[in-house]
Protein backbone atom coordinates (compact mmCIF):
# COMPACT_ATOMS: atom_id res chain seq x y z
CA MET A 1 4.41 31.71 0.87
CA MET A 2 4.39 28.07 -0.22
CA THR A 3 7.54 26.03 0.30
CA ILE A 4 8.51 22.62 -1.05
CA ASP A 5 10.96 20.30 0.68
CA CYS A 6 13.18 19.18 -2.20
CA ILE A 7 14.61 15.76 -1.35
CA HIS A 8 17.94 16.85 -2.85
CA CYS A 9 18.26 20.54 -1.87
CA GLY A 10 16.09 20.99 1.25
CA THR A 11 13.25 23.44 1.84
CA ARG A 12 12.88 26.03 -0.92
CA ASN A 13 10.36 28.65 -1.99
CA ALA A 14 7.84 27.30 -4.49
CA SER A 15 8.94 29.99 -6.97
CA GLU A 16 12.06 27.86 -7.63
CA PHE A 17 9.87 25.04 -8.97
CA ARG A 18 7.77 24.53 -12.07
CA TYR A 19 4.41 22.82 -11.74
CA LEU A 20 4.09 20.12 -14.40
CA GLY A 21 0.59 18.90 -13.67
CA GLU A 22 -1.22 15.97 -12.17
CA THR A 23 0.37 12.57 -12.38
CA GLY A 24 -1.30 10.20 -14.76
CA HIS A 25 -0.86 7.81 -17.61
CA ARG A 26 0.48 9.27 -20.85
CA PRO A 27 -1.07 7.66 -23.94
CA ASP A 28 1.20 5.80 -26.36
CA PRO A 29 1.88 8.29 -29.18
CA ASN A 30 1.86 5.52 -31.78
CA GLN A 31 -1.54 4.16 -30.79
CA ALA A 32 -3.50 7.04 -29.22
CA THR A 33 -6.52 8.46 -30.97
CA PRO A 34 -6.90 12.24 -31.30
CA GLU A 35 -9.59 12.08 -28.60
CA GLU A 36 -7.19 10.35 -26.17
CA TRP A 37 -4.54 13.02 -26.80
CA ARG A 38 -7.08 15.81 -26.32
CA ASP A 39 -8.22 14.30 -23.02
CA TYR A 40 -4.62 13.87 -21.83
CA LEU A 41 -3.58 17.42 -22.77
CA TYR A 42 -6.64 19.48 -21.89
CA PHE A 43 -8.91 17.67 -19.44
CA HIS A 44 -7.63 17.41 -15.89
CA CYS A 45 -9.33 16.38 -12.67
CA ASN A 46 -8.34 19.59 -10.81
CA PRO A 47 -9.68 18.29 -7.48
CA SER A 48 -10.18 20.34 -4.35
CA GLY A 49 -8.19 18.41 -1.79
CA TRP A 50 -5.28 15.97 -1.91
CA THR A 51 -3.69 15.27 -5.27
CA THR A 52 -0.41 13.89 -6.61
CA GLU A 53 1.52 16.23 -8.91
CA ARG A 54 4.77 16.45 -10.87
CA TRP A 55 7.13 19.35 -10.16
CA LEU A 56 10.53 20.32 -11.57
CA HIS A 57 13.10 22.03 -9.33
CA ARG A 58 14.16 24.35 -12.14
CA ALA A 59 16.19 26.83 -10.07
CA GLY A 60 17.95 24.19 -8.00
CA CYS A 61 18.94 20.60 -8.73
CA ARG A 62 16.82 20.49 -11.94
CA ARG A 63 15.31 17.17 -10.90
CA PHE A 64 11.72 16.01 -11.09
CA LEU A 65 9.71 15.43 -7.93
CA ILE A 66 6.37 13.87 -7.09
CA VAL A 67 4.49 16.04 -4.57
CA GLU A 68 1.33 15.16 -2.64
CA ARG A 69 -0.39 18.52 -2.12
CA ASN A 70 -3.75 19.72 -0.84
CA THR A 71 -4.97 22.10 -3.54
CA ALA A 72 -7.29 23.91 -1.13
CA THR A 73 -4.65 24.73 1.52
CA ASN A 74 -1.31 24.17 -0.31
CA GLU A 75 -0.29 21.83 2.52
CA ILE A 76 2.30 19.31 1.35
CA ARG A 77 2.37 15.92 3.04
CA ALA A 78 4.96 14.05 0.93
CA VAL A 79 7.70 14.68 -1.62
CA ARG A 80 9.49 11.83 -3.39
CA ALA A 81 11.49 11.01 -6.48
CA PRO A 82 9.57 9.65 -9.48
CA ASP A 83 9.51 5.87 -9.82
CA VAL A 84 11.81 4.54 -12.53
CA ALA A 85 8.89 2.75 -14.23
CA THR A 86 6.75 5.92 -14.10
CA ARG A 87 9.59 8.10 -15.37
CA SER A 88 10.13 6.06 -18.53
CA GLY A 89 6.40 5.80 -19.21
CA ALA A 90 5.39 9.39 -18.54
CA GLY A 91 8.39 11.37 -19.70
CA GLU A 92 9.26 12.60 -16.20
CA GLY A 93 12.95 11.88 -16.63
CA GLU A 94 13.37 14.25 -19.55
CA ALA A 95 13.16 18.02 -19.57
CA ARG A 96 10.61 19.42 -21.99
């Protein structure tokens, strides 16, 4: 069983969360080419090892979290709130 230490609610089962993908730069919708949108939506690094991901605590506080997780072992070494600058640029502050 994988658990995530929510910074607001404490340790919870990962089933309470929704994986939102790797962190990264979202293209500007007014200037992005179709190829840039395709790359952003469909092509991900999917590394084996440490990665930084976005998660939503959907069954708890309903807040977004940034999680550093090892994709090979599911070990989590850090959980933090999204940066304000990142949130406004990547849509992390709004539910989809």
